[in-house]
């Protein structure tokens, strides 16, 4: 039979070991929370450094180009996306399309694209961000481009902030990713395969190498996510292309960028 002293000693050691384990668990949990907070802060920092779809569209507005709805993601494509990751990405794509449409005073089409954004928001559980009154406001402002652009900007930022504030930074990152790719895709299309006609737009496309690095940094924060890992690889390949070219872009260099961006865009909209 075990003596009372030995039993007491075993009890004390067991308690100390248990406390030590609990202490370690607490430290591990604290470290995990700390890392998540650092990642969250870094994500916000990078997110705000990237151009929004509306900012990209405003750059396009300053270039002498004509509206072409062939560059847009068709409205019916909304039915193809089932996962939250693909929906968040396409929400970014449609947001960029929406901004581009409004820059060219295509407000009736803009209302349809905003309606698609609302449907995606509903499926992601963020319907309250885009209310029915927003679409009504756009319909009333159909001939006032500045008001429509302000509505789009506000809604985009509200969605982004909502996702961030509700610990859904991965979806926010994917939304930014989709919007960035679509904005760059439309920009390359507007060059019309001739770098001599729109040198300012071509230069803007080259300058996106800076925001591309920011976007890669953002995506790398969530590299454990398989979808984001695949998308990040696309960006790294595009970044390698940018590293090997100089400004002003030659037609050959531009063609390489355009082809790569088009391939990335195809991969994400058909995913």
Protein backbone atom coordinates (compact mmCIF):
# COMPACT_ATOMS: atom_id res chain seq x y z
CA UNK A 1 0.00 0.00 0.00
CA UNK A 2 1.24 3.49 -0.89
CA UNK A 3 1.97 5.65 2.16
CA UNK A 4 0.09 8.89 2.69
CA UNK A 5 3.33 10.90 2.22
CA UNK A 6 4.06 9.28 -1.14
CA UNK A 7 0.44 9.71 -2.21
CA UNK A 8 0.60 13.37 -1.23
CA UNK A 9 3.85 13.80 -3.16
CA UNK A 10 2.35 12.15 -6.26
CA UNK A 11 -0.70 14.39 -5.96
CA UNK A 12 1.44 17.55 -5.67
CA UNK A 13 3.65 16.53 -8.65
CA UNK A 14 0.55 15.69 -10.71
CA UNK A 15 -0.98 19.09 -9.93
CA UNK A 16 2.28 20.89 -10.77
CA UNK A 17 2.62 19.00 -14.07
CA UNK A 18 -1.02 19.73 -14.89
CA UNK A 19 -0.57 23.40 -14.09
CA UNK A 20 2.59 23.50 -16.17
CA UNK A 21 0.75 21.93 -19.12
CA UNK A 22 -2.12 24.34 -18.73
CA UNK A 23 0.36 27.20 -18.55
CA UNK A 24 1.98 25.96 -21.75
CA UNK A 25 -1.41 25.62 -23.40
CA UNK A 26 -2.27 29.17 -22.39
CA UNK A 27 1.05 30.40 -23.74
CA UNK A 28 0.52 28.53 -27.01
CA UNK A 29 -3.00 29.93 -27.28
CA UNK A 30 -1.75 33.44 -26.48
CA UNK A 31 0.98 33.08 -29.10
CA UNK A 32 -1.61 31.90 -31.65
CA UNK A 33 -3.87 34.87 -30.89
CA UNK A 34 -0.89 37.23 -31.07
CA UNK A 35 0.09 35.84 -34.49
CA UNK A 36 -3.48 36.16 -35.71
CA UNK A 37 -3.58 39.79 -34.54
CA UNK A 38 -0.29 40.53 -36.29
CA UNK A 39 -1.60 38.90 -39.47
CA UNK A 40 -4.84 40.89 -39.19
CA UNK A 41 -2.98 44.20 -38.78
CA UNK A 42 -0.64 43.37 -41.65
CA UNK A 43 -3.57 42.37 -43.83
CA UNK A 44 -5.32 45.67 -43.17
CA UNK A 45 -2.13 47.58 -43.94
CA UNK A 46 -1.66 45.84 -47.28
CA UNK A 47 -5.35 45.96 -48.16
CA UNK A 48 -5.44 49.73 -47.81
CA UNK A 49 -2.26 50.13 -49.89
CA UNK A 50 -3.85 48.45 -52.91
CA UNK A 51 -5.93 50.34 -55.47
CA UNK A 52 -9.65 49.65 -55.24
CA UNK A 53 -11.61 48.86 -58.41
CA UNK A 54 -12.96 52.40 -58.40
CA UNK A 55 -9.44 53.85 -58.29
CA UNK A 56 -8.40 51.63 -61.19
CA UNK A 57 -11.47 52.74 -63.14
CA UNK A 58 -10.62 56.38 -62.52
CA UNK A 59 -7.18 55.79 -64.05
CA UNK A 60 -8.87 54.26 -67.08
CA UNK A 61 -11.21 57.25 -67.35
CA UNK A 62 -8.27 59.54 -68.06
CA UNK A 63 -7.40 57.53 -71.17
CA UNK A 64 -9.05 58.08 -74.54
CA UNK A 65 -10.83 54.72 -74.87
CA UNK A 66 -14.30 53.48 -75.77
CA UNK A 67 -16.55 51.29 -73.65
CA UNK A 68 -16.62 47.62 -74.60
CA UNK A 69 -18.89 45.22 -72.72
CA UNK A 70 -16.95 42.24 -74.11
CA UNK A 71 -14.34 42.89 -71.40
CA UNK A 72 -16.88 42.28 -68.63
CA UNK A 73 -17.58 39.04 -66.81
CA UNK A 74 -21.05 38.03 -68.11
CA UNK A 75 -23.86 38.46 -65.62
CA UNK A 76 -24.98 34.84 -65.96
CA UNK A 77 -21.61 33.59 -64.70
CA UNK A 78 -22.80 34.32 -61.18
CA UNK A 79 -24.46 30.88 -61.15
CA UNK A 80 -21.14 29.07 -61.59
CA UNK A 81 -19.62 29.80 -58.18
CA UNK A 82 -20.36 27.62 -55.18
CA UNK A 83 -17.61 28.05 -52.57
CA UNK A 84 -17.23 31.12 -50.37
CA UNK A 85 -13.71 31.62 -51.75
CA UNK A 86 -14.80 31.67 -55.38
CA UNK A 87 -17.75 33.92 -54.55
CA UNK A 88 -15.54 36.44 -52.73
CA UNK A 89 -13.12 36.49 -55.67
CA UNK A 90 -15.92 37.02 -58.19
CA UNK A 91 -17.43 39.72 -55.99
CA UNK A 92 -14.15 41.58 -56.54
CA UNK A 93 -14.35 40.93 -60.28
CA UNK A 94 -17.91 42.21 -60.55
CA UNK A 95 -16.98 45.24 -58.41
CA UNK A 96 -14.23 46.14 -60.88
CA UNK A 97 -16.63 45.65 -63.79
CA UNK A 98 -19.18 47.80 -62.03
CA UNK A 99 -16.66 50.63 -61.63
CA UNK A 100 -15.57 50.38 -65.26
CA UNK A 101 -19.20 50.41 -66.46
CA UNK A 102 -20.03 53.52 -64.46
CA UNK A 103 -16.99 55.40 -65.74
CA UNK A 104 -18.51 55.19 -69.21
CA UNK A 105 -22.00 56.29 -68.17
CA UNK A 106 -23.52 52.84 -68.59
CA UNK A 107 -25.68 53.23 -65.52
CA UNK A 108 -28.49 50.86 -66.50
CA UNK A 109 -25.94 48.09 -66.93
CA UNK A 110 -24.34 49.20 -63.67
CA UNK A 111 -27.60 48.55 -61.82
CA UNK A 112 -27.59 44.97 -63.15
CA UNK A 113 -24.01 44.39 -62.03
CA UNK A 114 -24.74 45.85 -58.60
CA UNK A 115 -27.65 43.45 -58.37
CA UNK A 116 -25.20 40.59 -58.98
CA UNK A 117 -22.96 41.93 -56.23
CA UNK A 118 -25.97 41.91 -53.92
CA UNK A 119 -26.75 38.28 -54.76
CA UNK A 120 -23.19 37.25 -53.96
CA UNK A 121 -23.27 39.27 -50.75
CA UNK A 122 -26.44 37.44 -49.76
CA UNK A 123 -24.84 34.03 -50.39
CA UNK A 124 -21.82 35.06 -48.30
CA UNK A 125 -24.04 36.13 -45.42
CA UNK A 126 -23.35 39.85 -45.77
CA UNK A 127 -26.62 40.90 -47.39
CA UNK A 128 -27.11 43.71 -44.89
CA UNK A 129 -24.15 45.54 -46.43
CA UNK A 130 -25.92 46.02 -49.76
CA UNK A 131 -29.49 47.07 -49.10
CA UNK A 132 -32.37 47.44 -51.56
CA UNK A 133 -32.12 51.21 -51.12
CA UNK A 134 -28.64 51.17 -52.72
CA UNK A 135 -30.02 49.82 -55.99
CA UNK A 136 -32.90 52.29 -55.77
CA UNK A 137 -30.41 55.12 -55.23
CA UNK A 138 -28.43 54.03 -58.28
CA UNK A 139 -31.59 53.85 -60.36
CA UNK A 140 -32.52 57.39 -59.34
CA UNK A 141 -28.99 58.63 -60.05
CA UNK A 142 -28.87 56.93 -63.44
CA UNK A 143 -27.74 60.08 -65.28
CA UNK A 144 -25.45 61.44 -62.58
CA UNK A 145 -22.16 59.57 -62.90
CA UNK A 146 -20.52 61.17 -59.87
CA UNK A 147 -23.32 60.03 -57.57
CA UNK A 148 -23.24 56.50 -58.98
CA UNK A 149 -19.47 56.30 -58.50
CA UNK A 150 -19.83 57.49 -54.91
CA UNK A 151 -22.43 54.78 -54.23
CA UNK A 152 -20.18 52.09 -55.72
CA UNK A 153 -17.16 53.28 -53.76
CA UNK A 154 -19.09 53.33 -50.49
CA UNK A 155 -20.52 49.85 -51.01
CA UNK A 156 -17.15 48.35 -51.95
CA UNK A 157 -15.49 49.81 -48.85
CA UNK A 158 -18.39 48.73 -46.63
CA UNK A 159 -18.14 45.13 -47.82
CA UNK A 160 -14.37 45.13 -47.37
CA UNK A 161 -14.59 46.59 -43.87
CA UNK A 162 -17.38 44.19 -42.90
CA UNK A 163 -15.32 41.16 -43.90
CA UNK A 164 -12.27 42.46 -42.03
CA UNK A 165 -14.19 43.33 -38.87
CA UNK A 166 -15.79 39.89 -38.76
CA UNK A 167 -12.52 37.94 -38.97
CA UNK A 168 -13.06 36.97 -42.58
CA UNK A 169 -9.85 38.51 -43.86
CA UNK A 170 -9.27 35.65 -46.29
CA UNK A 171 -12.48 36.53 -48.11
CA UNK A 172 -11.56 40.22 -48.05
CA UNK A 173 -8.16 39.36 -49.55
CA UNK A 174 -9.79 37.30 -52.29
CA UNK A 175 -12.21 40.11 -53.06
CA UNK A 176 -9.29 42.52 -53.44
CA UNK A 177 -7.46 39.93 -55.55
CA UNK A 178 -10.41 39.52 -57.92
CA UNK A 179 -10.86 43.27 -58.26
CA UNK A 180 -7.15 43.86 -58.89
CA UNK A 181 -6.90 41.17 -61.57
CA UNK A 182 -10.06 42.35 -63.32
CA UNK A 183 -8.91 45.98 -63.27
CA UNK A 184 -5.56 45.02 -64.80
CA UNK A 185 -7.29 42.74 -67.31
CA UNK A 186 -9.60 45.50 -68.52
CA UNK A 187 -6.68 47.94 -68.67
CA UNK A 188 -4.66 45.61 -70.91
CA UNK A 189 -7.67 45.12 -73.18
CA UNK A 190 -8.15 48.87 -73.54
CA UNK A 191 -4.64 49.21 -74.99
CA UNK A 192 -6.04 47.49 -78.10
CA UNK A 193 -2.81 45.60 -78.77
CA UNK A 194 -0.91 48.77 -79.64
CA UNK A 195 1.36 50.34 -77.00
CA UNK A 196 1.86 53.47 -79.12
CA UNK A 197 -1.78 54.59 -78.98
CA UNK A 198 -2.20 54.84 -75.20
CA UNK A 199 1.28 55.30 -73.67
CA UNK A 200 -0.15 56.67 -70.40
CA UNK A 201 -2.30 53.58 -69.88
CA UNK A 202 0.62 51.34 -70.81
CA UNK A 203 2.75 53.12 -68.22
CA UNK A 204 0.01 52.65 -65.64
CA UNK A 205 -0.02 48.93 -66.39
CA UNK A 206 3.73 48.82 -65.86
CA UNK A 207 3.39 50.76 -62.60
CA UNK A 208 1.13 48.06 -61.21
CA UNK A 209 4.28 46.07 -60.43
CA UNK A 210 4.34 47.97 -57.13
CA UNK A 211 0.78 47.10 -56.12
CA UNK A 212 1.42 43.54 -57.35
CA UNK A 213 4.12 43.15 -54.70
CA UNK A 214 1.69 44.44 -52.06
CA UNK A 215 -0.95 41.98 -53.23
CA UNK A 216 1.53 39.09 -53.03
CA UNK A 217 2.39 40.13 -49.47
CA UNK A 218 -1.29 40.13 -48.60
CA UNK A 219 -1.94 36.71 -50.11
CA UNK A 220 1.14 35.24 -48.42
CA UNK A 221 -0.42 36.00 -45.03
CA UNK A 222 -3.01 33.31 -45.80
CA UNK A 223 -0.72 30.91 -47.67
CA UNK A 224 -2.05 27.93 -45.68
CA UNK A 225 -5.31 28.30 -47.59
CA UNK A 226 -5.06 26.06 -50.66
CA UNK A 227 -7.11 28.38 -52.91
CA UNK A 228 -5.05 31.41 -51.94
CA UNK A 229 -1.86 29.40 -52.40
CA UNK A 230 -2.82 28.62 -56.01
CA UNK A 231 -3.81 32.23 -56.70
CA UNK A 232 -0.59 33.49 -55.17
CA UNK A 233 1.41 31.28 -57.51
CA UNK A 234 -0.26 33.04 -60.45
CA UNK A 235 0.84 36.38 -59.00
CA UNK A 236 4.40 35.18 -58.45
CA UNK A 237 4.59 34.13 -62.09
CA UNK A 238 3.31 37.55 -63.17
CA UNK A 239 5.80 39.21 -60.84
CA UNK A 240 8.66 37.34 -62.53
CA UNK A 241 7.53 38.81 -65.84
CA UNK A 242 7.52 42.32 -64.38
CA UNK A 243 11.00 41.81 -62.97
CA UNK A 244 12.37 41.09 -66.44
CA UNK A 245 10.96 44.14 -68.22
CA UNK A 246 11.66 47.84 -68.13
CA UNK A 247 9.76 50.99 -68.96
CA UNK A 248 8.72 52.08 -71.51
CA UNK A 249 7.13 48.78 -72.36
CA UNK A 250 7.85 47.38 -75.79
CA UNK A 251 5.02 45.75 -77.71
CA UNK A 252 6.60 42.37 -77.03
CA UNK A 253 6.81 42.98 -73.27
CA UNK A 254 3.24 44.22 -73.17
CA UNK A 255 2.01 41.17 -75.07
CA UNK A 256 3.64 38.91 -72.49
CA UNK A 257 1.94 40.76 -69.62
CA UNK A 258 -1.41 40.81 -71.38
CA UNK A 259 -1.30 37.08 -72.11
CA UNK A 260 -0.40 36.23 -68.51
CA UNK A 261 -3.07 38.50 -67.02
CA UNK A 262 -5.66 37.06 -69.40
CA UNK A 263 -4.70 33.53 -68.36
CA UNK A 264 -4.95 34.40 -64.66
CA UNK A 265 -8.32 35.99 -65.20
CA UNK A 266 -9.56 32.94 -67.11
CA UNK A 267 -8.40 30.64 -64.31
CA UNK A 268 -10.23 32.55 -61.59
CA UNK A 269 -13.52 33.19 -63.44
CA UNK A 270 -13.78 29.59 -64.59
CA UNK A 271 -12.72 28.09 -61.25
